[in-house]
N, C-alpha and C. Protein backbone atom coordinates (compact mmCIF):
# COMPACT_ATOMS: atom_id res chain seq x y z
N MET A 1 -28.15 6.10 -10.89
CA MET A 1 -27.07 7.26 -11.83
C MET A 1 -27.99 8.58 -11.52
N LEU A 2 -27.03 9.25 -10.81
CA LEU A 2 -27.71 10.81 -10.24
C LEU A 2 -27.39 11.67 -11.87
N GLN A 3 -28.83 11.85 -12.27
CA GLN A 3 -29.00 12.23 -13.36
C GLN A 3 -28.44 13.67 -13.44
N GLY A 4 -28.36 14.52 -12.27
CA GLY A 4 -28.28 15.84 -11.56
C GLY A 4 -26.85 16.04 -11.42
N ILE A 5 -25.97 15.14 -11.78
CA ILE A 5 -24.61 15.64 -11.90
C ILE A 5 -24.23 15.06 -13.16
N VAL A 6 -23.40 15.92 -14.22
CA VAL A 6 -22.48 15.65 -15.11
C VAL A 6 -20.67 16.18 -14.48
N VAL A 7 -20.30 15.04 -15.06
CA VAL A 7 -18.53 15.29 -15.65
C VAL A 7 -18.44 15.03 -16.67
N PHE A 8 -17.42 15.65 -17.13
CA PHE A 8 -16.62 15.67 -18.36
C PHE A 8 -15.14 15.22 -18.20
N LEU A 9 -15.07 14.19 -18.40
CA LEU A 9 -13.57 13.66 -18.05
C LEU A 9 -12.72 12.78 -19.37
N GLY A 10 -11.83 12.71 -19.11
CA GLY A 10 -11.20 11.77 -20.33
C GLY A 10 -9.80 11.53 -19.61
N PRO A 11 -8.54 11.63 -20.46
CA PRO A 11 -7.60 11.02 -19.99
C PRO A 11 -7.18 11.46 -18.76
N SER A 12 -7.50 12.51 -17.79
CA SER A 12 -6.91 12.41 -16.32
C SER A 12 -7.60 11.46 -15.23
N LEU A 13 -8.65 10.78 -15.30
CA LEU A 13 -8.59 9.55 -14.46
C LEU A 13 -9.54 8.65 -15.73
N ALA A 14 -9.28 7.11 -15.32
CA ALA A 14 -10.25 6.29 -16.20
C ALA A 14 -11.88 6.38 -15.69
N GLU A 15 -12.39 6.45 -16.10
CA GLU A 15 -14.26 6.44 -16.00
C GLU A 15 -14.25 5.15 -14.87
N SER A 16 -13.90 4.39 -15.14
CA SER A 16 -14.10 3.06 -14.48
C SER A 16 -13.57 3.38 -12.84
N GLU A 17 -12.56 4.01 -12.68
CA GLU A 17 -12.00 4.36 -11.25
C GLU A 17 -12.78 5.46 -10.96
N ALA A 18 -13.35 6.81 -11.75
CA ALA A 18 -13.96 7.85 -11.25
C ALA A 18 -15.31 7.00 -10.60
N ARG A 19 -16.10 6.12 -11.59
CA ARG A 19 -17.19 5.54 -10.94
C ARG A 19 -17.52 5.52 -9.89
N LEU A 20 -16.11 4.20 -8.71
CA LEU A 20 -16.06 3.92 -7.48
C LEU A 20 -16.10 5.26 -6.97
N ILE A 21 -15.85 6.55 -7.00
CA ILE A 21 -15.81 7.82 -6.09
C ILE A 21 -17.19 8.35 -6.68
N LEU A 22 -17.85 8.00 -7.48
CA LEU A 22 -18.96 9.09 -7.79
C LEU A 22 -19.86 8.31 -8.96
N ASP A 23 -20.94 8.50 -8.24
CA ASP A 23 -22.12 7.55 -9.62
C ASP A 23 -22.44 8.69 -10.71
N ALA A 24 -22.73 8.99 -11.72
CA ALA A 24 -22.71 10.43 -12.21
C ALA A 24 -22.95 10.42 -14.11
N SER A 25 -23.77 11.25 -14.60
CA SER A 25 -23.24 11.09 -15.85
C SER A 25 -21.84 11.23 -16.46
N TYR A 26 -21.23 10.57 -17.15
CA TYR A 26 -19.86 10.46 -17.20
C TYR A 26 -19.88 11.38 -18.78
N ARG A 27 -19.40 12.23 -19.11
CA ARG A 27 -19.19 12.59 -20.69
C ARG A 27 -17.79 12.49 -21.09
N PRO A 28 -17.95 12.87 -22.23
CA PRO A 28 -16.60 13.10 -23.19
C PRO A 28 -15.60 14.69 -22.61
N PRO A 29 -14.33 14.36 -22.79
CA PRO A 29 -13.65 15.95 -23.33
C PRO A 29 -14.62 17.02 -23.68
N ALA A 30 -14.57 18.06 -22.98
CA ALA A 30 -16.28 19.45 -22.74
C ALA A 30 -15.06 19.64 -24.31
N ALA A 31 -16.03 20.03 -25.43
CA ALA A 31 -15.80 21.39 -26.39
C ALA A 31 -16.37 22.35 -26.47
N ARG A 32 -16.25 23.35 -27.02
CA ARG A 32 -17.43 24.61 -26.81
C ARG A 32 -18.91 24.78 -26.61
N GLY A 33 -19.82 24.47 -25.78
CA GLY A 33 -21.21 24.63 -26.13
C GLY A 33 -21.26 23.63 -24.81
N ASP A 34 -20.65 22.51 -24.74
CA ASP A 34 -20.90 21.01 -24.38
C ASP A 34 -21.50 22.04 -22.58
N VAL A 35 -21.03 22.61 -21.83
CA VAL A 35 -20.83 22.97 -20.68
C VAL A 35 -22.21 23.83 -20.73
N LEU A 36 -22.76 24.53 -21.38
CA LEU A 36 -23.83 25.37 -21.57
C LEU A 36 -25.27 24.25 -21.78
N ARG A 37 -25.23 23.14 -22.60
CA ARG A 37 -25.81 22.42 -22.83
C ARG A 37 -25.98 21.76 -21.78
N ALA A 38 -25.09 20.87 -21.02
CA ALA A 38 -25.73 20.28 -19.69
C ALA A 38 -26.33 20.89 -18.87
N ALA A 39 -26.21 22.19 -18.27
CA ALA A 39 -27.49 23.24 -17.46
C ALA A 39 -28.63 22.94 -18.38
N ARG A 40 -28.78 23.02 -19.46
CA ARG A 40 -30.16 23.35 -20.29
C ARG A 40 -30.36 22.39 -20.26
N GLU A 41 -29.83 21.14 -20.01
CA GLU A 41 -30.38 19.57 -20.15
C GLU A 41 -30.79 19.49 -18.46
N GLY A 42 -30.49 20.18 -17.38
CA GLY A 42 -31.13 20.00 -16.37
C GLY A 42 -30.27 19.72 -15.45
N ALA A 43 -28.84 19.87 -15.30
CA ALA A 43 -27.67 19.15 -14.86
C ALA A 43 -28.10 20.14 -13.31
N GLU A 44 -27.59 19.68 -12.05
CA GLU A 44 -27.41 20.72 -11.34
C GLU A 44 -26.16 20.81 -11.10
N ILE A 45 -24.96 19.84 -11.06
CA ILE A 45 -23.88 20.03 -10.86
C ILE A 45 -23.14 19.99 -12.33
N ILE A 46 -22.07 20.45 -12.46
CA ILE A 46 -21.26 20.42 -13.79
C ILE A 46 -19.84 20.28 -13.09
N CYS A 47 -19.22 18.74 -13.16
CA CYS A 47 -18.04 18.88 -12.82
C CYS A 47 -17.11 18.76 -14.02
N LEU A 48 -16.09 19.86 -14.50
CA LEU A 48 -15.27 19.98 -15.49
C LEU A 48 -13.86 19.47 -15.03
N ILE A 49 -13.47 18.41 -15.88
CA ILE A 49 -12.17 18.20 -15.58
C ILE A 49 -11.36 17.97 -16.70
N ASP A 50 -12.01 17.66 -18.02
CA ASP A 50 -11.00 17.56 -19.24
C ASP A 50 -11.88 18.49 -20.53
N GLY A 51 -11.06 18.89 -21.08
CA GLY A 51 -11.68 19.68 -22.15
C GLY A 51 -10.81 19.74 -23.57
N VAL A 52 -11.52 19.77 -24.79
CA VAL A 52 -10.75 19.93 -25.82
C VAL A 52 -9.65 21.40 -26.01
N PHE A 53 -8.57 21.34 -26.09
CA PHE A 53 -7.55 22.47 -26.57
C PHE A 53 -7.50 23.05 -27.61
N PHE A 54 -7.57 22.07 -28.69
CA PHE A 54 -6.53 22.92 -30.08
C PHE A 54 -7.06 21.93 -30.80
N GLN A 55 -7.44 20.40 -31.07
CA GLN A 55 -8.58 20.09 -32.04
C GLN A 55 -10.01 20.67 -32.34
N GLU A 56 -10.56 21.35 -31.08
CA GLU A 56 -11.69 22.21 -31.90
C GLU A 56 -11.75 23.35 -30.81
N CYS A 57 -13.02 23.95 -31.09
CA CYS A 57 -13.27 24.77 -30.01
C CYS A 57 -13.43 24.87 -28.06
N SER A 58 -13.00 25.50 -27.30
CA SER A 58 -12.35 24.78 -25.91
C SER A 58 -14.00 25.77 -25.26
N VAL A 59 -13.85 24.93 -24.21
CA VAL A 59 -14.83 25.37 -23.31
C VAL A 59 -14.83 27.00 -23.20
N ALA A 60 -16.02 28.04 -23.61
CA ALA A 60 -16.19 29.43 -23.53
C ALA A 60 -16.41 29.73 -22.16
N HIS A 61 -15.41 30.77 -21.68
CA HIS A 61 -15.84 31.48 -20.15
C HIS A 61 -17.26 31.87 -20.28
N ARG A 62 -18.39 32.21 -21.71
CA ARG A 62 -19.37 33.03 -21.33
C ARG A 62 -19.95 31.54 -21.03
N GLU A 63 -20.10 30.75 -22.04
CA GLU A 63 -20.85 29.90 -21.66
C GLU A 63 -20.53 29.30 -19.96
N VAL A 64 -19.82 28.55 -19.19
CA VAL A 64 -19.61 28.81 -18.03
C VAL A 64 -20.70 29.48 -17.48
N LEU A 65 -20.17 30.72 -17.58
CA LEU A 65 -21.19 31.64 -16.90
C LEU A 65 -22.61 32.01 -16.86
N GLU A 66 -23.13 31.31 -18.15
CA GLU A 66 -24.07 31.31 -18.29
C GLU A 66 -24.98 29.93 -17.71
N ALA A 67 -24.02 29.29 -17.46
CA ALA A 67 -23.96 27.80 -17.16
C ALA A 67 -24.93 28.40 -15.63
N VAL A 68 -23.80 28.59 -15.05
CA VAL A 68 -24.33 29.06 -13.52
C VAL A 68 -25.23 30.17 -13.22
N ARG A 69 -25.37 31.18 -14.37
CA ARG A 69 -26.52 31.89 -14.64
C ARG A 69 -28.12 30.58 -14.44
N GLU A 70 -28.18 29.79 -15.36
CA GLU A 70 -28.56 28.40 -15.85
C GLU A 70 -29.16 27.85 -14.02
N GLY A 71 -28.91 28.33 -13.32
CA GLY A 71 -28.59 27.34 -12.18
C GLY A 71 -27.89 26.69 -11.47
N ALA A 72 -26.67 26.04 -12.76
CA ALA A 72 -25.79 24.98 -12.20
C ALA A 72 -24.62 25.46 -11.25
N ARG A 73 -23.82 24.57 -10.70
CA ARG A 73 -23.41 24.63 -10.03
C ARG A 73 -21.94 24.35 -10.41
N VAL A 74 -20.76 25.13 -10.84
CA VAL A 74 -19.67 24.59 -12.04
C VAL A 74 -18.61 24.62 -11.13
N ILE A 75 -18.39 23.46 -11.29
CA ILE A 75 -16.55 22.89 -10.46
C ILE A 75 -15.43 22.66 -11.29
N GLY A 76 -14.61 23.39 -10.91
CA GLY A 76 -13.62 23.22 -12.20
C GLY A 76 -12.14 22.49 -11.73
N ALA A 77 -10.97 21.13 -11.95
CA ALA A 77 -10.35 21.25 -11.52
C ALA A 77 -9.66 20.33 -13.07
N SER A 78 -7.96 19.72 -12.78
CA SER A 78 -6.94 19.16 -13.14
C SER A 78 -6.99 19.73 -14.53
N SER A 79 -7.40 20.07 -15.39
CA SER A 79 -7.36 20.48 -16.54
C SER A 79 -7.90 21.88 -17.54
N MET A 80 -8.69 21.44 -18.28
CA MET A 80 -9.37 22.74 -18.43
C MET A 80 -10.42 23.32 -17.21
N GLY A 81 -10.62 22.25 -16.54
CA GLY A 81 -11.33 22.58 -15.66
C GLY A 81 -10.86 23.50 -14.65
N ALA A 82 -9.98 22.93 -14.18
CA ALA A 82 -8.66 23.91 -13.33
C ALA A 82 -8.43 25.47 -13.73
N LEU A 83 -8.17 25.50 -15.48
CA LEU A 83 -7.63 26.56 -16.18
C LEU A 83 -8.85 27.24 -16.35
N ARG A 84 -10.29 27.12 -16.45
CA ARG A 84 -11.44 27.85 -16.64
C ARG A 84 -11.58 28.35 -15.23
N ALA A 85 -11.46 27.61 -14.03
CA ALA A 85 -11.95 28.16 -12.54
C ALA A 85 -11.00 29.58 -12.20
N ALA A 86 -9.85 29.04 -12.75
CA ALA A 86 -9.00 29.92 -11.72
C ALA A 86 -9.15 31.45 -12.57
N GLU A 87 -9.17 31.10 -13.97
CA GLU A 87 -10.02 32.77 -14.49
C GLU A 87 -11.76 33.06 -13.74
N LEU A 88 -12.46 32.12 -13.79
CA LEU A 88 -13.76 32.60 -13.04
C LEU A 88 -14.68 32.12 -12.10
N ASP A 89 -12.96 32.29 -10.85
CA ASP A 89 -13.32 31.79 -9.49
C ASP A 89 -14.24 32.79 -9.02
N GLY A 90 -14.20 34.29 -9.29
CA GLY A 90 -14.83 35.20 -9.09
C GLY A 90 -16.00 35.08 -9.50
N LEU A 91 -16.55 34.23 -10.22
CA LEU A 91 -17.79 35.21 -10.88
C LEU A 91 -18.90 33.78 -11.13
N GLY A 92 -18.56 32.88 -9.65
CA GLY A 92 -19.31 31.65 -10.08
C GLY A 92 -18.68 30.55 -9.89
N MET A 93 -17.60 30.11 -10.34
CA MET A 93 -16.97 28.77 -10.76
C MET A 93 -15.88 28.39 -9.43
N GLU A 94 -16.44 27.22 -9.38
CA GLU A 94 -15.52 27.30 -7.81
C GLU A 94 -14.40 25.67 -8.25
N GLY A 95 -13.04 26.05 -8.05
CA GLY A 95 -11.69 25.27 -8.13
C GLY A 95 -11.54 24.72 -6.92
N VAL A 96 -11.04 23.43 -7.46
CA VAL A 96 -10.80 22.28 -6.71
C VAL A 96 -8.73 21.94 -7.07
N GLY A 97 -8.35 21.80 -6.09
CA GLY A 97 -6.92 21.40 -6.15
C GLY A 97 -5.33 21.81 -6.89
N GLU A 98 -4.39 21.34 -6.57
CA GLU A 98 -3.61 22.00 -6.79
C GLU A 98 -3.06 22.65 -8.40
N ILE A 99 -3.34 22.11 -9.19
CA ILE A 99 -3.45 22.58 -10.29
C ILE A 99 -4.53 24.01 -10.94
N TYR A 100 -5.58 23.83 -9.99
CA TYR A 100 -6.20 25.13 -9.78
C TYR A 100 -5.43 26.12 -8.85
N ARG A 101 -5.11 25.75 -8.41
CA ARG A 101 -4.19 26.99 -6.98
C ARG A 101 -3.13 27.37 -7.88
N MET A 102 -2.39 26.87 -8.19
CA MET A 102 -1.18 27.12 -9.45
C MET A 102 -1.77 28.22 -10.29
N TYR A 103 -2.70 27.70 -11.16
CA TYR A 103 -3.30 29.02 -12.08
C TYR A 103 -4.00 29.75 -10.63
N ARG A 104 -4.28 29.63 -10.35
CA ARG A 104 -4.90 31.22 -9.02
C ARG A 104 -3.95 32.56 -9.30
N ASP A 105 -2.85 31.48 -8.80
CA ASP A 105 -1.54 32.01 -8.16
C ASP A 105 -0.71 32.51 -9.13
N GLY A 106 -1.11 32.50 -10.06
CA GLY A 106 -0.20 32.55 -11.52
C GLY A 106 1.51 31.98 -11.41
N GLU A 107 1.28 30.99 -10.78
CA GLU A 107 2.95 29.83 -10.57
C GLU A 107 2.57 29.39 -12.11
N ILE A 108 1.93 29.18 -12.95
CA ILE A 108 1.80 28.37 -14.34
C ILE A 108 0.46 29.50 -14.75
N VAL A 109 0.87 29.83 -16.19
CA VAL A 109 -0.16 30.56 -16.63
C VAL A 109 -0.95 30.19 -18.30
N SER A 110 0.29 29.32 -18.93
CA SER A 110 -0.32 28.93 -20.25
C SER A 110 -1.21 27.22 -20.60
N ASP A 111 -2.38 27.37 -21.40
CA ASP A 111 -2.92 26.55 -21.40
C ASP A 111 -1.93 25.40 -21.71
N ASP A 112 -0.62 25.22 -22.03
CA ASP A 112 0.21 24.53 -22.48
C ASP A 112 0.60 23.37 -21.40
N GLU A 113 0.76 23.93 -20.33
CA GLU A 113 0.95 23.01 -18.55
C GLU A 113 -0.13 21.76 -18.98
N VAL A 114 -0.93 21.79 -19.22
CA VAL A 114 -2.21 20.67 -19.33
C VAL A 114 -2.58 20.02 -20.36
N ALA A 115 -1.88 20.54 -21.40
CA ALA A 115 -2.15 20.48 -22.71
C ALA A 115 -1.34 18.44 -23.01
N LEU A 116 -1.97 17.37 -23.69
CA LEU A 116 -1.37 16.47 -23.60
C LEU A 116 -2.00 15.97 -25.13
N ILE A 117 -1.87 14.79 -25.48
CA ILE A 117 -2.18 14.37 -26.50
C ILE A 117 -2.95 12.58 -25.83
N PHE A 118 -3.77 12.35 -26.46
CA PHE A 118 -4.74 11.35 -25.53
C PHE A 118 -5.33 10.07 -26.87
N ASP A 119 -5.36 8.73 -26.90
CA ASP A 119 -6.16 7.74 -27.45
C ASP A 119 -7.74 8.46 -27.88
N PRO A 120 -8.84 9.30 -28.77
CA PRO A 120 -9.61 9.55 -28.94
C PRO A 120 -10.88 8.58 -28.33
N GLU A 121 -10.53 7.18 -28.33
CA GLU A 121 -11.31 6.17 -28.00
C GLU A 121 -11.21 5.40 -26.46
N THR A 122 -10.17 5.75 -26.16
CA THR A 122 -9.77 5.10 -24.72
C THR A 122 -10.07 6.25 -23.94
N PHE A 123 -9.19 7.61 -24.49
CA PHE A 123 -8.68 8.27 -23.43
C PHE A 123 -7.21 8.27 -22.65
N VAL A 124 -6.52 6.74 -23.24
CA VAL A 124 -5.52 7.03 -22.70
C VAL A 124 -4.39 7.82 -23.18
N GLN A 125 -3.71 8.83 -22.12
CA GLN A 125 -2.75 9.83 -22.49
C GLN A 125 -1.26 9.61 -23.12
N LEU A 126 -0.84 10.17 -24.29
CA LEU A 126 -0.18 9.69 -25.22
C LEU A 126 0.97 10.62 -24.68
N SER A 127 1.15 11.11 -24.35
CA SER A 127 2.58 12.76 -24.20
C SER A 127 2.23 13.18 -22.55
N GLU A 128 3.04 13.52 -21.97
CA GLU A 128 2.99 13.72 -20.17
C GLU A 128 2.76 15.24 -20.53
N PRO A 129 1.97 15.63 -19.84
CA PRO A 129 1.34 17.19 -19.89
C PRO A 129 2.50 17.29 -18.21
N LEU A 130 3.00 19.03 -19.39
CA LEU A 130 4.23 19.45 -18.34
C LEU A 130 3.73 20.28 -16.79
N VAL A 131 2.67 19.93 -16.47
CA VAL A 131 2.19 20.70 -15.02
C VAL A 131 2.89 19.23 -14.24
N ASN A 132 2.42 18.28 -14.78
CA ASN A 132 2.97 16.87 -13.93
C ASN A 132 4.68 16.84 -13.98
N ILE A 133 4.98 17.03 -14.90
CA ILE A 133 6.35 16.99 -15.10
C ILE A 133 7.01 18.00 -14.08
N ARG A 134 6.71 19.15 -13.86
CA ARG A 134 6.71 20.02 -12.98
C ARG A 134 6.60 19.60 -11.46
N CYS A 135 5.63 19.50 -11.40
CA CYS A 135 5.55 18.66 -10.03
C CYS A 135 5.75 17.54 -9.76
N THR A 136 6.35 16.48 -11.07
CA THR A 136 7.41 15.41 -10.45
C THR A 136 8.90 15.81 -10.54
N LEU A 137 9.55 16.97 -10.65
CA LEU A 137 10.76 17.83 -10.41
C LEU A 137 10.67 18.09 -8.83
N SER A 138 9.46 18.66 -8.77
CA SER A 138 9.56 19.15 -7.30
C SER A 138 9.57 18.36 -6.22
N ARG A 139 8.89 17.29 -6.38
CA ARG A 139 9.24 16.12 -5.70
C ARG A 139 10.55 15.76 -5.72
N ALA A 140 11.03 15.43 -7.08
CA ALA A 140 12.39 14.86 -7.18
C ALA A 140 13.68 15.50 -6.15
N VAL A 141 13.01 16.81 -6.07
CA VAL A 141 14.36 18.12 -5.83
C VAL A 141 14.05 17.97 -4.05
N ASN A 142 12.73 17.83 -3.36
CA ASN A 142 12.42 17.73 -2.22
C ASN A 142 12.65 16.46 -1.63
N GLU A 143 13.12 14.69 -1.89
CA GLU A 143 13.11 14.24 -1.65
C GLU A 143 15.32 13.84 -2.21
N SER A 144 15.25 15.29 -2.82
CA SER A 144 17.08 15.04 -2.36
C SER A 144 17.53 13.82 -3.33
N VAL A 145 16.61 13.78 -5.02
CA VAL A 145 17.06 13.03 -5.77
C VAL A 145 18.22 13.82 -6.76
N ILE A 146 17.67 15.18 -7.18
CA ILE A 146 18.47 15.36 -8.29
C ILE A 146 18.21 17.45 -7.65
N ASP A 147 19.15 18.46 -7.91
CA ASP A 147 19.68 19.72 -7.09
C ASP A 147 18.51 20.69 -8.28
N PRO A 148 18.19 22.02 -7.25
CA PRO A 148 17.45 22.27 -7.94
C PRO A 148 17.86 23.00 -9.47
N VAL A 149 19.12 23.28 -9.58
CA VAL A 149 19.77 23.41 -10.77
C VAL A 149 19.29 22.77 -12.14
N SER A 150 19.59 21.23 -11.63
CA SER A 150 19.29 20.32 -12.35
C SER A 150 17.89 20.18 -13.16
N ALA A 151 16.80 20.16 -11.91
CA ALA A 151 15.53 20.56 -12.18
C ALA A 151 15.28 21.30 -12.90
N SER A 152 16.23 22.88 -13.16
CA SER A 152 15.37 23.90 -13.76
C SER A 152 16.02 23.80 -14.75
N ILE A 153 16.78 22.85 -15.56
CA ILE A 153 17.45 22.38 -16.72
C ILE A 153 16.54 21.58 -17.39
N LEU A 154 15.55 20.15 -16.70
CA LEU A 154 14.62 19.24 -17.33
C LEU A 154 13.76 20.26 -17.57
N LEU A 155 13.18 20.62 -16.67
CA LEU A 155 11.90 21.90 -16.52
C LEU A 155 11.94 22.87 -17.97
N ASP A 156 12.86 23.61 -18.41
CA ASP A 156 13.23 24.48 -19.69
C ASP A 156 13.77 23.47 -20.63
N CYS A 157 14.03 21.83 -20.93
CA CYS A 157 14.10 21.12 -21.92
C CYS A 157 12.40 20.63 -22.11
N ALA A 158 11.44 20.50 -20.77
CA ALA A 158 10.12 19.33 -21.48
C ALA A 158 9.46 20.80 -21.94
N ARG A 159 9.48 22.14 -21.62
CA ARG A 159 9.05 23.49 -22.00
C ARG A 159 9.38 23.89 -23.54
N SER A 160 10.43 23.13 -23.88
CA SER A 160 10.97 23.50 -25.34
C SER A 160 10.25 22.30 -26.15
N LEU A 161 9.74 20.98 -25.60
CA LEU A 161 9.09 20.38 -26.27
C LEU A 161 7.94 20.43 -27.28
N TYR A 162 7.20 20.57 -27.75
CA TYR A 162 5.71 20.72 -28.43
C TYR A 162 5.09 19.51 -27.61
N PHE A 163 4.30 20.29 -27.12
CA PHE A 163 3.42 19.40 -26.08
C PHE A 163 3.16 17.79 -26.24
N PRO A 164 2.79 17.15 -27.92
CA PRO A 164 2.45 16.18 -28.16
C PRO A 164 3.70 15.33 -27.65
N GLU A 165 5.03 15.97 -28.04
CA GLU A 165 6.34 15.40 -28.26
C GLU A 165 6.76 15.17 -26.34
N ARG A 166 5.67 15.26 -25.39
CA ARG A 166 6.55 15.43 -24.56
C ARG A 166 6.38 14.17 -23.55
N THR A 167 7.75 13.67 -23.19
CA THR A 167 7.24 12.41 -22.51
C THR A 167 8.69 12.79 -21.54
N TYR A 168 9.04 11.62 -20.66
CA TYR A 168 9.93 11.79 -19.66
C TYR A 168 11.17 11.08 -20.45
N GLU A 169 10.87 10.80 -21.01
CA GLU A 169 12.39 10.11 -22.26
C GLU A 169 13.23 11.09 -23.02
N SER A 170 11.82 11.65 -23.98
CA SER A 170 12.02 12.88 -24.71
C SER A 170 12.82 14.12 -23.93
N VAL A 171 12.34 14.48 -22.73
CA VAL A 171 12.80 15.52 -21.86
C VAL A 171 14.13 15.03 -21.39
N LEU A 172 14.49 13.90 -21.33
CA LEU A 172 15.89 13.50 -20.86
C LEU A 172 16.40 13.70 -22.20
N GLU A 173 15.93 13.40 -22.94
CA GLU A 173 17.45 12.66 -24.54
C GLU A 173 17.42 14.52 -24.42
N ARG A 174 16.65 15.31 -24.41
CA ARG A 174 17.21 17.30 -24.90
C ARG A 174 17.98 16.95 -23.79
N ALA A 175 17.88 16.83 -22.63
CA ALA A 175 18.60 17.17 -21.71
C ALA A 175 20.13 16.50 -21.63
N ARG A 176 20.55 15.65 -22.23
CA ARG A 176 21.37 14.70 -22.27
C ARG A 176 22.67 15.85 -21.99
N GLU A 177 22.94 16.43 -23.09
CA GLU A 177 24.59 16.58 -22.93
C GLU A 177 24.27 18.81 -21.79
N LYS A 178 23.48 18.25 -20.96
CA LYS A 178 23.52 19.50 -20.62
C LYS A 178 23.39 19.06 -19.03
N LEU A 179 23.34 17.72 -18.64
CA LEU A 179 23.45 17.46 -17.19
C LEU A 179 24.71 16.06 -17.11
N ASP A 180 25.01 16.10 -16.26
CA ASP A 180 26.01 15.18 -15.58
C ASP A 180 25.00 13.81 -15.75
N PRO A 181 25.68 12.68 -16.53
CA PRO A 181 25.05 11.36 -16.92
C PRO A 181 23.89 10.85 -15.64
N SER A 182 25.00 11.10 -14.24
CA SER A 182 24.21 10.41 -12.83
C SER A 182 23.23 11.09 -12.53
N VAL A 183 23.05 12.67 -12.86
CA VAL A 183 21.79 13.43 -12.89
C VAL A 183 20.75 12.46 -13.59
N SER A 184 21.00 11.98 -14.96
CA SER A 184 19.83 11.76 -15.45
C SER A 184 19.89 10.57 -15.13
N GLU A 185 20.44 9.45 -14.59
CA GLU A 185 19.76 8.02 -14.45
C GLU A 185 18.88 8.14 -12.97
N ALA A 186 19.48 8.91 -12.29
CA ALA A 186 19.20 9.30 -10.98
C ALA A 186 18.07 10.01 -11.05
N PHE A 187 17.55 10.77 -11.87
CA PHE A 187 15.55 11.18 -12.21
C PHE A 187 14.91 10.15 -12.70
N SER A 188 15.92 9.20 -13.73
CA SER A 188 15.36 8.30 -14.55
C SER A 188 14.82 7.28 -13.83
N ARG A 189 15.39 6.68 -13.08
CA ARG A 189 15.15 5.67 -12.03
C ARG A 189 14.09 6.42 -10.95
N PHE A 190 14.24 7.70 -10.64
CA PHE A 190 13.46 8.26 -9.69
C PHE A 190 11.61 7.76 -10.65
N ILE A 191 11.39 8.15 -11.65
CA ILE A 191 10.35 8.93 -12.60
C ILE A 191 9.48 7.14 -12.30
N ASP A 192 10.54 5.92 -12.80
CA ASP A 192 9.75 4.53 -12.29
C ASP A 192 8.85 4.90 -10.76
N ARG A 193 9.00 5.39 -9.71
CA ARG A 193 8.73 5.00 -8.51
C ARG A 193 7.87 6.34 -7.75
N GLY A 194 8.84 7.63 -8.80
CA GLY A 194 7.71 8.64 -7.99
C GLY A 194 7.58 9.99 -8.51
N ARG A 195 6.89 9.79 -9.95
CA ARG A 195 6.68 10.48 -10.57
C ARG A 195 4.86 10.75 -9.99
N VAL A 196 4.73 11.85 -10.11
CA VAL A 196 3.60 12.95 -9.87
C VAL A 196 2.69 12.64 -10.84
N ASP A 197 1.32 12.53 -10.69
CA ASP A 197 0.05 12.83 -12.23
C ASP A 197 -0.75 13.14 -11.26
N GLN A 198 -0.73 14.81 -10.62
CA GLN A 198 -1.27 15.85 -10.52
C GLN A 198 -2.57 15.70 -11.29
N LYS A 199 -2.85 16.04 -12.00
CA LYS A 199 -4.15 15.98 -12.97
C LYS A 199 -4.84 15.10 -12.42
N ARG A 200 -4.51 13.72 -12.66
CA ARG A 200 -5.41 12.84 -11.87
C ARG A 200 -5.89 12.95 -10.39
N GLU A 201 -4.72 13.11 -9.29
CA GLU A 201 -4.72 13.63 -7.88
C GLU A 201 -5.92 14.32 -8.06
N ASP A 202 -5.90 15.40 -8.76
CA ASP A 202 -6.88 16.87 -8.54
C ASP A 202 -8.05 16.32 -8.94
N ALA A 203 -8.56 15.78 -10.22
CA ALA A 203 -9.53 14.79 -10.48
C ALA A 203 -10.44 13.96 -9.84
N ILE A 204 -10.02 12.86 -8.59
CA ILE A 204 -10.08 12.47 -7.82
C ILE A 204 -11.08 13.53 -6.66
N LEU A 205 -10.07 14.78 -6.38
CA LEU A 205 -10.54 15.63 -5.15
C LEU A 205 -11.63 16.34 -5.92
N ALA A 206 -11.56 16.16 -6.98
CA ALA A 206 -13.02 16.83 -7.73
C ALA A 206 -14.06 16.45 -7.57
N LEU A 207 -14.43 15.20 -7.69
CA LEU A 207 -15.00 14.37 -7.86
C LEU A 207 -15.51 13.77 -6.41
N ARG A 208 -14.77 13.85 -5.49
CA ARG A 208 -14.92 13.87 -3.76
C ARG A 208 -15.49 15.42 -3.51
N ARG A 209 -15.01 16.59 -4.15
CA ARG A 209 -16.10 17.92 -3.30
C ARG A 209 -17.41 17.77 -3.90
N VAL A 210 -17.72 17.15 -5.46
CA VAL A 210 -18.85 16.83 -5.80
C VAL A 210 -19.73 16.07 -5.14
N ARG A 211 -19.26 15.17 -4.61
CA ARG A 211 -20.18 13.99 -3.71
C ARG A 211 -20.25 14.69 -2.40
N ALA A 212 -19.19 15.69 -1.78
CA ALA A 212 -19.38 16.68 -0.23
C ALA A 212 -21.04 17.60 -0.76
N ILE A 213 -20.59 18.24 -2.08
CA ILE A 213 -21.77 19.46 -2.45
C ILE A 213 -23.63 18.37 -2.64
N ALA A 214 -23.18 17.68 -3.11
CA ALA A 214 -24.35 16.48 -3.24
C ALA A 214 -24.99 15.81 -2.17
N GLY A 215 -24.01 15.51 -1.49
CA GLY A 215 -24.55 15.20 -0.27
C GLY A 215 -25.08 13.75 0.00
N ILE A 216 -23.60 13.08 -0.55
CA ILE A 216 -23.57 11.47 -1.21
C ILE A 216 -22.80 11.20 -0.59
């Protein structure tokens, strides 16, 4: 294990998968103070993927900047990492992945886009983050599974749900009276084969980026 690399990881990617990509010190989703603590413990590279949002105080902007001043290279992606990187990429933090880009470019703005609930012991996600639903709808439109108007209706239904209640089933149920049944059925079938887990994809990109930085 490379003690100089710390990765904050939870529901975005299973640790067992992550370790196949990068040997590092893996820690649970970061709460306030965790990033700076890792830097002061000697981490040379900190990869912030997952962090807490509402159940505890989240990672502060100031602590990320302080970690950078302490000499750590801080990479962000996928979830809390993407959000903070989009806010701090001009001040020393590096962002990786599509979700980071979407925040940076203003396509998404709310923390709610990446929020979800998960089992605190296994980190298995129990709801679907809005950004994944958004990306899945975009793919469904690109593959002509549903039309853009139907996708917009489904996205609005997803937005209207409180984040712990977001699942594809609950979105389709909320849209049931707004969509033709054939559209709902087509999208339901598509979910089984074509759903996008953008948070997972971006987490993998971030780990590969850390490997490249570390030269391993």
